C-alpha atoms as a PDB file:
ATOM      1  CA  UNK A   1      77.093 -23.064 -15.777  1.00  0.00           C
ATOM      2  CA  UNK A   2      76.115 -23.597 -12.636  1.00  0.00           C
ATOM      3  CA  UNK A   3      79.411 -23.132 -11.011  1.00  0.00           C
ATOM      4  CA  UNK A   4      79.762 -19.923 -12.508  1.00  0.00           C
ATOM      5  CA  UNK A   5      76.508 -19.191 -10.491  1.00  0.00           C
ATOM      6  CA  UNK A   6      78.109 -20.866  -7.180  1.00  0.00           C
ATOM      7  CA  UNK A   7      81.793 -18.927  -7.581  1.00  0.00           C
ATOM      8  CA  UNK A   8      80.127 -15.713  -8.316  1.00  0.00           C
ATOM      9  CA  UNK A   9      77.763 -16.299  -4.932  1.00  0.00           C
ATOM     10  CA  UNK A  10      81.258 -16.958  -2.909  1.00  0.00           C
ATOM     11  CA  UNK A  11      82.744 -14.262  -4.355  1.00  0.00           C
ATOM     12  CA  UNK A  12      79.893 -11.874  -3.204  1.00  0.00           C
ATOM     13  CA  UNK A  13      80.285 -13.376   0.588  1.00  0.00           C
ATOM     14  CA  UNK A  14      76.263 -14.818  -0.096  1.00  0.00           C
ATOM     15  CA  UNK A  15      77.995 -18.398   0.664  1.00  0.00           C
ATOM     16  CA  UNK A  16      79.515 -20.282   3.962  1.00  0.00           C
ATOM     17  CA  UNK A  17      80.652 -17.713   5.699  1.00  0.00           C
ATOM     18  CA  UNK A  18      77.061 -15.993   5.527  1.00  0.00           C
ATOM     19  CA  UNK A  19      75.219 -19.110   6.562  1.00  0.00           C
ATOM     20  CA  UNK A  20      77.646 -19.470   9.302  1.00  0.00           C
ATOM     21  CA  UNK A  21      77.309 -16.160  10.876  1.00  0.00           C
ATOM     22  CA  UNK A  22      73.143 -16.562  10.443  1.00  0.00           C
ATOM     23  CA  UNK A  23      73.438 -19.896  12.273  1.00  0.00           C
ATOM     24  CA  UNK A  24      75.009 -17.456  15.082  1.00  0.00           C
ATOM     25  CA  UNK A  25      72.728 -14.959  15.153  1.00  0.00           C
ATOM     26  CA  UNK A  26      69.684 -17.612  15.102  1.00  0.00           C
ATOM     27  CA  UNK A  27      71.481 -19.677  17.696  1.00  0.00           C
ATOM     28  CA  UNK A  28      72.031 -16.688  20.077  1.00  0.00           C
ATOM     29  CA  UNK A  29      68.819 -15.432  19.444  1.00  0.00           C
ATOM     30  CA  UNK A  30      66.813 -19.050  20.646  1.00  0.00           C
ATOM     31  CA  UNK A  31      68.890 -19.063  23.383  1.00  0.00           C
ATOM     32  CA  UNK A  32      67.702 -15.112  24.521  1.00  0.00           C
ATOM     33  CA  UNK A  33      64.105 -16.063  23.710  1.00  0.00           C
ATOM     34  CA  UNK A  34      64.590 -19.291  26.326  1.00  0.00           C
ATOM     35  CA  UNK A  35      66.299 -17.041  28.993  1.00  0.00           C
ATOM     36  CA  UNK A  36      63.493 -14.604  28.988  1.00  0.00           C
ATOM     37  CA  UNK A  37      60.873 -17.897  29.294  1.00  0.00           C
ATOM     38  CA  UNK A  38      62.568 -18.506  31.939  1.00  0.00           C
ATOM     39  CA  UNK A  39      62.387 -15.715  33.781  1.00  0.00           C
ATOM     40  CA  UNK A  40      58.805 -15.239  33.105  1.00  0.00           C
ATOM     41  CA  UNK A  41      57.538 -18.330  34.397  1.00  0.00           C
ATOM     42  CA  UNK A  42      54.602 -18.792  36.476  1.00  0.00           C
ATOM     43  CA  UNK A  43      53.007 -20.133  40.083  1.00  0.00           C
ATOM     44  CA  UNK A  44      54.187 -24.421  40.168  1.00  0.00           C
ATOM     45  CA  UNK A  45      51.516 -26.842  41.422  1.00  0.00           C
ATOM     46  CA  UNK A  46      53.303 -26.663  44.403  1.00  0.00           C
ATOM     47  CA  UNK A  47      52.744 -22.891  45.156  1.00  0.00           C
ATOM     48  CA  UNK A  48      49.301 -23.115  43.644  1.00  0.00           C
ATOM     49  CA  UNK A  49      48.826 -25.819  46.283  1.00  0.00           C
ATOM     50  CA  UNK A  50      50.000 -24.058  49.205  1.00  0.00           C
ATOM     51  CA  UNK A  51      47.578 -21.099  47.835  1.00  0.00           C
ATOM     52  CA  UNK A  52      44.561 -23.360  47.519  1.00  0.00           C
ATOM     53  CA  UNK A  53      45.461 -24.952  50.898  1.00  0.00           C
ATOM     54  CA  UNK A  54      45.498 -21.267  52.898  1.00  0.00           C
ATOM     55  CA  UNK A  55      42.373 -20.029  51.236  1.00  0.00           C
ATOM     56  CA  UNK A  56      40.206 -23.294  52.019  1.00  0.00           C
ATOM     57  CA  UNK A  57      41.721 -24.387  55.761  1.00  0.00           C
ATOM     58  CA  UNK A  58      45.106 -22.883  56.784  1.00  0.00           C
ATOM     59  CA  UNK A  59      44.820 -25.466  59.673  1.00  0.00           C
ATOM     60  CA  UNK A  60      44.351 -28.747  57.506  1.00  0.00           C
ATOM     61  CA  UNK A  61      42.157 -30.321  59.950  1.00  0.00           C
ATOM     62  CA  UNK A  62      39.349 -30.651  57.529  1.00  0.00           C
ATOM     63  CA  UNK A  63      40.305 -30.661  54.168  1.00  0.00           C
ATOM     64  CA  UNK A  64      43.333 -31.164  52.464  1.00  0.00           C
ATOM     65  CA  UNK A  65      44.401 -30.373  49.074  1.00  0.00           C
ATOM     66  CA  UNK A  66      45.466 -33.516  47.900  1.00  0.00           C
ATOM     67  CA  UNK A  67      46.603 -33.261  44.422  1.00  0.00           C
ATOM     68  CA  UNK A  68      46.734 -30.724  41.963  1.00  0.00           C
ATOM     69  CA  UNK A  69      45.083 -32.081  38.541  1.00  0.00           C
ATOM     70  CA  UNK A  70      45.665 -29.603  36.099  1.00  0.00           C
ATOM     71  CA  UNK A  71      47.075 -25.570  36.230  1.00  0.00           C
ATOM     72  CA  UNK A  72      46.606 -23.635  33.326  1.00  0.00           C
ATOM     73  CA  UNK A  73      48.446 -20.184  33.791  1.00  0.00           C
ATOM     74  CA  UNK A  74      48.019 -17.224  31.863  1.00  0.00           C
ATOM     75  CA  UNK A  75      50.765 -14.204  32.628  1.00  0.00           C
ATOM     76  CA  UNK A  76      49.722 -10.915  32.354  1.00  0.00           C
ATOM     77  CA  UNK A  77      49.256  -9.168  29.797  1.00  0.00           C
ATOM     78  CA  UNK A  78      50.116  -5.574  30.782  1.00  0.00           C
ATOM     79  CA  UNK A  79      53.546  -5.713  33.166  1.00  0.00           C
ATOM     80  CA  UNK A  80      51.861  -2.365  34.699  1.00  0.00           C
ATOM     81  CA  UNK A  81      49.536  -4.850  35.987  1.00  0.00           C
ATOM     82  CA  UNK A  82      50.765  -7.936  36.836  1.00  0.00           C
ATOM     83  CA  UNK A  83      48.498 -10.091  37.871  1.00  0.00           C
ATOM     84  CA  UNK A  84      48.859 -13.923  37.203  1.00  0.00           C
ATOM     85  CA  UNK A  85      45.806 -15.965  36.497  1.00  0.00           C
ATOM     86  CA  UNK A  86      45.689 -19.416  37.233  1.00  0.00           C
ATOM     87  CA  UNK A  87      42.730 -21.797  36.362  1.00  0.00           C
ATOM     88  CA  UNK A  88      43.089 -24.747  38.729  1.00  0.00           C
ATOM     89  CA  UNK A  89      41.394 -28.422  39.289  1.00  0.00           C
ATOM     90  CA  UNK A  90      42.279 -29.918  42.371  1.00  0.00           C
ATOM     91  CA  UNK A  91      41.617 -32.681  44.676  1.00  0.00           C
ATOM     92  CA  UNK A  92      40.636 -32.329  47.422  1.00  0.00           C
ATOM     93  CA  UNK A  93      40.710 -34.600  50.520  1.00  0.00           C
ATOM     94  CA  UNK A  94      38.444 -34.626  54.042  1.00  0.00           C
ATOM     95  CA  UNK A  95      39.440 -35.920  56.885  1.00  0.00           C
ATOM     96  CA  UNK A  96      36.118 -34.811  58.867  1.00  0.00           C
ATOM     97  CA  UNK A  97      32.519 -35.456  58.319  1.00  0.00           C
ATOM     98  CA  UNK A  98      30.619 -32.758  57.996  1.00  0.00           C
ATOM     99  CA  UNK A  99      28.773 -33.951  61.163  1.00  0.00           C
ATOM    100  CA  UNK A 100      32.021 -34.078  63.306  1.00  0.00           C
ATOM    101  CA  UNK A 101      32.755 -30.878  62.566  1.00  0.00           C
ATOM    102  CA  UNK A 102      28.954 -29.653  63.279  1.00  0.00           C
ATOM    103  CA  UNK A 103      30.037 -31.506  66.657  1.00  0.00           C
ATOM    104  CA  UNK A 104      33.266 -29.460  67.161  1.00  0.00           C
ATOM    105  CA  UNK A 105      30.936 -26.465  66.752  1.00  0.00           C
ATOM    106  CA  UNK A 106      28.173 -27.409  69.771  1.00  0.00           C
ATOM    107  CA  UNK A 107      31.560 -28.617  72.156  1.00  0.00           C
ATOM    108  CA  UNK A 108      33.143 -24.798  71.209  1.00  0.00           C
ATOM    109  CA  UNK A 109      33.735 -23.071  74.454  1.00  0.00           C
ATOM    110  CA  UNK A 110      36.048 -20.507  74.101  1.00  0.00           C
ATOM    111  CA  UNK A 111      36.108 -17.427  71.543  1.00  0.00           C
ATOM    112  CA  UNK A 112      39.163 -19.328  69.265  1.00  0.00           C
ATOM    113  CA  UNK A 113      37.416 -22.574  69.086  1.00  0.00           C
ATOM    114  CA  UNK A 114      34.540 -21.013  67.949  1.00  0.00           C
ATOM    115  CA  UNK A 115      36.314 -18.946  65.331  1.00  0.00           C
ATOM    116  CA  UNK A 116      38.155 -22.029  64.033  1.00  0.00           C
ATOM    117  CA  UNK A 117      35.300 -23.621  63.913  1.00  0.00           C
ATOM    118  CA  UNK A 118      33.109 -21.329  62.398  1.00  0.00           C
ATOM    119  CA  UNK A 119      35.427 -21.023  59.808  1.00  0.00           C
ATOM    120  CA  UNK A 120      34.921 -24.795  59.087  1.00  0.00           C
ATOM    121  CA  UNK A 121      30.796 -24.717  59.142  1.00  0.00           C
ATOM    122  CA  UNK A 122      31.197 -22.507  56.128  1.00  0.00           C
ATOM    123  CA  UNK A 123      33.236 -25.499  54.233  1.00  0.00           C
ATOM    124  CA  UNK A 124      29.904 -27.553  55.438  1.00  0.00           C
ATOM    125  CA  UNK A 125      28.602 -24.978  53.322  1.00  0.00           C
ATOM    126  CA  UNK A 126      30.799 -24.904  50.142  1.00  0.00           C
ATOM    127  CA  UNK A 127      31.115 -28.456  50.014  1.00  0.00           C
ATOM    128  CA  UNK A 128      27.694 -30.112  51.306  1.00  0.00           C
ATOM    129  CA  UNK A 129      27.695 -33.035  53.318  1.00  0.00           C
ATOM    130  CA  UNK A 130      30.573 -34.729  52.960  1.00  0.00           C
ATOM    131  CA  UNK A 131      31.758 -37.532  54.891  1.00  0.00           C
ATOM    132  CA  UNK A 132      35.957 -38.324  56.502  1.00  0.00           C
ATOM    133  CA  UNK A 133      38.131 -40.156  54.046  1.00  0.00           C
ATOM    134  CA  UNK A 134      35.845 -38.503  50.777  1.00  0.00           C
ATOM    135  CA  UNK A 135      38.045 -36.901  48.034  1.00  0.00           C
ATOM    136  CA  UNK A 136      36.034 -34.359  45.529  1.00  0.00           C
ATOM    137  CA  UNK A 137      36.988 -32.878  42.963  1.00  0.00           C
ATOM    138  CA  UNK A 138      37.547 -28.757  42.647  1.00  0.00           C
ATOM    139  CA  UNK A 139      38.197 -26.208  39.969  1.00  0.00           C
ATOM    140  CA  UNK A 140      38.801 -22.892  40.631  1.00  0.00           C
ATOM    141  CA  UNK A 141      40.732 -19.467  39.424  1.00  0.00           C
ATOM    142  CA  UNK A 142      43.308 -17.679  41.264  1.00  0.00           C
ATOM    143  CA  UNK A 143      44.719 -14.387  40.943  1.00  0.00           C
ATOM    144  CA  UNK A 144      48.060 -14.285  42.141  1.00  0.00           C
ATOM    145  CA  UNK A 145      50.909 -12.138  42.136  1.00  0.00           C
ATOM    146  CA  UNK A 146      54.399 -12.462  42.354  1.00  0.00           C
ATOM    147  CA  UNK A 147      55.918 -11.209  45.724  1.00  0.00           C
ATOM    148  CA  UNK A 148      59.339 -10.983  46.961  1.00  0.00           C
ATOM    149  CA  UNK A 149      58.194 -13.912  49.527  1.00  0.00           C
ATOM    150  CA  UNK A 150      56.739 -16.065  46.691  1.00  0.00           C
ATOM    151  CA  UNK A 151      53.115 -16.590  44.961  1.00  0.00           C
ATOM    152  CA  UNK A 152      50.183 -14.961  46.732  1.00  0.00           C
ATOM    153  CA  UNK A 153      46.392 -13.847  45.920  1.00  0.00           C
ATOM    154  CA  UNK A 154      45.962 -10.265  44.502  1.00  0.00           C
ATOM    155  CA  UNK A 155      43.029 -10.211  46.937  1.00  0.00           C
END
């Protein structure tokens, strides 16, 4: 009796051929899904490290973004507003102490030197009395856009 039902299914086309076709369709959909995911990837650790470095201390004289420890990327919910939310935890390395930065401000004898050092003073206000060689954990949320030349801050 069981053989009869199987042969009836094969005659109607619900057998091996349709299973092979189903596997082929599933494989095609899976490949398209993976391809689509590849085109919508968010920023990587290197891009985020560079953006953080530019945000905190572009010269790299006081702070260096040593490592990106965690990176949580949320894709944009709306295609009309392609802003990526990125939560970052990084390790910062202080190359100079707060006292050295304060001393450099006193020795600034030109406007460009003063402006550069004034930016470094804002780092002192943000990170406190740090010492040269010290590391500190840093957590922030970035809003990024993908531009023609790579990732950039949205604001």
